[in-house]
Protein backbone atom coordinates (compact mmCIF):
# COMPACT_ATOMS: atom_id res chain seq x y z
CA MET A 1 125.21 114.56 97.86
CA THR A 2 125.34 115.17 101.34
CA LYS A 3 123.17 113.82 104.05
CA LEU A 4 121.43 117.46 104.82
CA ARG A 5 120.33 117.67 100.90
CA GLU A 6 119.49 113.93 100.84
CA GLN A 7 117.37 114.95 103.86
CA ARG A 8 115.53 117.86 101.95
CA ARG A 9 114.62 115.55 99.15
CA GLU A 10 113.32 112.94 101.48
CA ALA A 11 110.98 115.91 103.43
CA ARG A 12 109.83 116.94 99.89
CA PHE A 13 109.37 113.65 98.48
CA PHE A 14 106.89 112.95 101.06
CA ALA A 15 105.28 116.18 101.02
CA ILE A 16 104.35 115.85 97.35
CA GLY A 17 103.24 111.97 97.77
CA ALA A 18 101.25 113.37 100.90
CA SER A 19 99.36 115.84 98.63
CA LEU A 20 98.60 113.57 96.05
CA PHE A 21 97.09 110.92 98.27
CA ALA A 22 95.20 114.55 99.64
CA ILE A 23 94.25 115.51 96.30
CA GLY A 24 93.33 112.05 94.98
CA ALA A 25 90.75 111.53 98.30
CA VAL A 26 89.38 114.74 97.18
CA PHE A 27 89.21 113.47 93.54
CA ALA A 28 87.72 110.39 94.73
CA ALA A 29 84.86 112.35 96.58
CA PHE A 30 83.41 113.74 92.96
CA PRO A 31 82.03 110.72 90.54
CA ALA A 32 82.40 113.22 87.62
CA ILE A 33 86.11 113.07 87.54
CA ASN A 34 87.74 110.52 85.76
CA ALA A 35 88.46 107.25 87.94
CA THR A 36 91.50 106.57 86.01
CA PHE A 37 92.89 109.87 86.75
CA THR A 38 91.94 109.47 90.20
CA GLY A 39 94.28 106.37 90.47
CA LEU A 40 96.78 107.91 88.67
CA THR A 41 97.13 110.70 91.38
CA PHE A 42 97.22 108.15 93.88
CA PHE A 43 99.30 106.06 92.11
CA ILE A 44 102.05 108.88 91.30
CA GLY A 45 101.57 109.99 94.95
CA SER A 46 102.52 106.02 96.31
CA ILE A 47 106.04 106.08 94.09
CA PHE A 48 106.94 109.89 95.92
CA PHE A 49 106.63 107.90 99.15
CA THR A 50 108.35 104.80 98.45
CA THR A 51 111.19 107.27 97.14
CA ALA A 52 111.24 109.12 100.20
CA SER A 53 110.77 106.11 102.57
CA LEU A 54 113.85 104.50 100.53
CA ILE A 55 115.83 107.92 101.29
CA GLN A 56 115.24 107.55 104.51
CA TRP A 57 116.02 103.88 105.04
CA LEU A 58 119.64 104.22 103.50
CA LEU A 59 120.12 107.18 105.63
CA SER A 60 119.64 105.30 109.01
CA GLY A 61 122.33 103.81 107.71
CA ARG A 62 123.33 100.03 109.17
CA PRO A 63 123.02 100.75 113.30
CA ARG A 64 125.46 98.91 115.29
CA PHE A 65 122.97 97.47 117.22
CA ALA A 66 123.14 97.90 120.75
CA GLY A 67 120.67 95.11 121.65
CA TRP A 68 117.00 95.31 119.69
CA GLY A 69 115.82 97.77 122.14
CA GLY A 70 118.68 100.62 120.93
CA ALA A 71 117.20 103.70 119.80
CA GLU A 72 119.28 103.19 116.31
CA ALA A 73 117.89 99.53 115.57
CA ILE A 74 114.64 101.08 116.38
CA ASP A 75 114.97 103.59 114.08
CA TRP A 76 116.27 101.19 111.65
CA TRP A 77 113.53 99.08 111.50
CA SER A 78 110.87 101.91 111.53
CA ALA A 79 112.47 102.92 108.28
CA ALA A 80 112.48 99.34 106.80
CA ILE A 81 109.14 98.62 107.72
CA GLN A 82 107.76 101.96 106.27
CA PHE A 83 109.43 101.28 102.69
CA VAL A 84 107.83 98.00 102.63
CA GLY A 85 104.51 99.41 103.73
CA THR A 86 104.89 101.91 100.62
CA LEU A 87 105.36 98.80 97.89
CA PHE A 88 101.95 97.69 99.38
CA PHE A 89 100.54 100.89 98.67
CA ASN A 90 102.34 100.64 95.18
CA VAL A 91 100.69 97.65 94.40
CA SER A 92 97.32 98.64 95.62
CA THR A 93 97.09 101.78 93.88
CA PHE A 94 98.40 100.46 90.26
CA SER A 95 95.98 97.84 91.09
CA ALA A 96 93.09 99.88 91.15
CA ILE A 97 94.26 101.51 87.51
CA LEU A 98 93.84 98.24 85.95
CA SER A 99 90.95 97.22 87.82
CA LEU A 100 88.07 98.24 85.73
CA SER A 101 84.84 97.26 88.34
CA ILE A 102 84.09 98.41 92.47
CA LEU A 103 84.38 94.68 93.01
CA GLY A 104 87.38 93.84 91.00
CA GLU A 105 89.43 96.92 92.53
CA ARG A 106 88.36 95.77 95.89
CA GLN A 107 89.59 92.29 95.40
CA HIS A 108 93.06 93.48 93.98
CA VAL A 109 93.31 96.20 96.35
CA TRP A 110 92.01 95.80 99.75
CA ARG A 111 94.94 93.18 100.80
CA PRO A 112 97.62 95.63 100.00
CA ASP A 113 96.02 98.39 101.44
CA VAL A 114 95.31 96.58 104.91
CA PHE A 115 99.10 95.20 104.65
CA GLY A 116 100.58 99.16 103.68
CA SER A 117 98.70 100.89 106.50
CA ALA A 118 99.53 98.18 108.82
CA ALA A 119 103.26 98.43 108.16
CA PHE A 120 102.86 102.31 108.70
CA LEU A 121 101.37 102.06 111.83
CA ILE A 122 104.04 99.77 113.27
CA SER A 123 106.50 102.01 111.48
CA SER A 124 105.26 104.94 113.44
CA LEU A 125 105.33 103.55 116.54
CA LEU A 126 108.67 102.26 116.27
CA ALA A 127 109.32 106.16 115.41
CA VAL A 128 107.51 107.73 119.08
CA TRP A 129 109.69 105.23 120.14
CA ALA A 130 112.89 105.80 118.92
CA CYS A 131 112.25 109.22 119.57
CA ARG A 132 112.60 108.65 123.50
CA ASP A 133 116.54 108.38 123.23
CA ARG A 134 117.37 111.07 120.51
CA ASP A 135 120.41 111.83 121.26
CA ARG A 136 121.79 108.09 120.04
CA LEU A 137 120.43 108.56 116.54
CA TRP A 138 122.63 109.23 113.68
CA ASP A 139 120.75 112.46 114.01
CA PRO A 140 119.08 113.80 117.03
CA ALA A 141 117.13 116.30 114.31
CA ALA A 142 116.06 113.51 112.34
CA ARG A 143 113.04 112.67 114.40
CA LEU A 144 111.10 115.44 116.32
CA TRP A 145 108.16 114.69 118.49
CA LYS A 146 105.74 116.54 116.13
CA VAL A 147 106.96 115.03 113.30
CA THR A 148 106.88 111.25 114.82
CA TRP A 149 103.52 111.92 115.99
CA LEU A 150 101.74 113.47 113.19
CA ASN A 151 102.97 110.50 111.48
CA LEU A 152 101.20 108.12 113.75
CA PHE A 153 98.16 110.57 113.20
CA GLY A 154 98.40 109.84 109.58
CA SER A 155 99.33 106.37 109.86
CA VAL A 156 95.80 105.59 112.15
CA ALA A 157 93.84 107.53 109.78
CA PHE A 158 95.37 105.77 106.64
CA GLY A 159 93.95 102.62 108.77
CA ILE A 160 90.98 103.75 109.18
CA SER A 161 90.47 104.40 105.64
CA ALA A 162 91.92 100.60 104.62
CA VAL A 163 89.34 99.19 106.79
CA THR A 164 86.57 101.03 105.99
CA ALA A 165 87.34 100.29 102.45
CA ARG A 166 86.57 96.41 102.55
CA ILE A 167 83.61 95.36 100.71
CA SER A 168 80.71 94.10 102.47
CA PRO A 169 79.87 90.95 100.53
CA GLU A 170 76.32 91.38 101.47
CA SER A 171 75.78 94.73 99.73
CA GLY A 172 78.81 94.33 96.86
CA LEU A 173 79.63 98.12 98.18
CA VAL A 174 82.75 99.80 100.04
CA ALA A 175 81.26 99.32 104.06
CA ASN A 176 81.78 102.93 104.52
CA ALA A 177 83.10 105.36 101.66
CA SER A 178 82.65 108.49 102.98
CA LEU A 179 85.10 107.29 106.31
CA GLU A 180 87.59 105.86 103.77
CA GLY A 181 87.65 109.01 101.69
CA LEU A 182 88.15 111.23 105.32
CA GLY A 183 90.75 108.45 106.32
CA THR A 184 93.00 108.71 102.91
CA PHE A 185 92.70 112.98 103.56
CA PHE A 186 93.43 113.52 107.18
CA GLY A 187 95.76 110.79 107.00
CA ALA A 188 97.61 112.68 104.03
CA LEU A 189 97.44 116.25 105.73
CA GLY A 190 98.90 114.63 108.55
CA PHE A 191 101.94 113.08 106.78
CA LEU A 192 102.12 116.18 104.54
CA PHE A 193 102.62 118.50 107.80
CA ALA A 194 105.05 116.10 109.23
CA ALA A 195 107.22 116.69 105.62
CA LEU A 196 106.92 120.02 106.32
CA LEU A 197 107.89 120.02 110.09
CA MET A 198 110.80 117.57 109.42
CA ALA A 199 112.87 119.22 106.41
CA PRO A 200 116.46 120.70 107.34
CA LYS A 201 116.44 124.48 107.82
CA ARG A 202 118.79 126.10 105.24
CA ALA A 203 121.61 128.19 106.68
């Protein structure tokens, strides 16, 4: 399979994963919708994120590190850290399905959510930095300014969602459920638009 086809698969899987997270955030806003169904939406979305992230990491290859500050090295680490972040989201979304109570859910989910969001944020910052020297990357078209900044926006929004998802020891409730849902929804939109822009154009 050519790298061009792999890039298209990567963009397609990121778009599907982001769409499912946005839909899951909408489902979560309506208590009438079955919680297990909502959880499955997030979990399946996380699998698409992980698959797309793995493709991106493999496409970045084994860079000839020109020092730790070289664009190739930064891009490789960005992809690697993002992949790790998606694994944390796999854990958190699957744990949410298994949890039977809000408290139990947060005990199992919150830490992976925070670690995953932190990994996404670090990855996005590195991608923005690598984009400063695009000519040194394996494919200059693989990193576009609009894509990296949209991904950074999505990562910040996911981070806000993770922080506000922490459960309050006093009340036993989520610190800010509305902000948590909005952070997930708008973060997913950021990733979706980035995925649509990064898809290579057909000849």
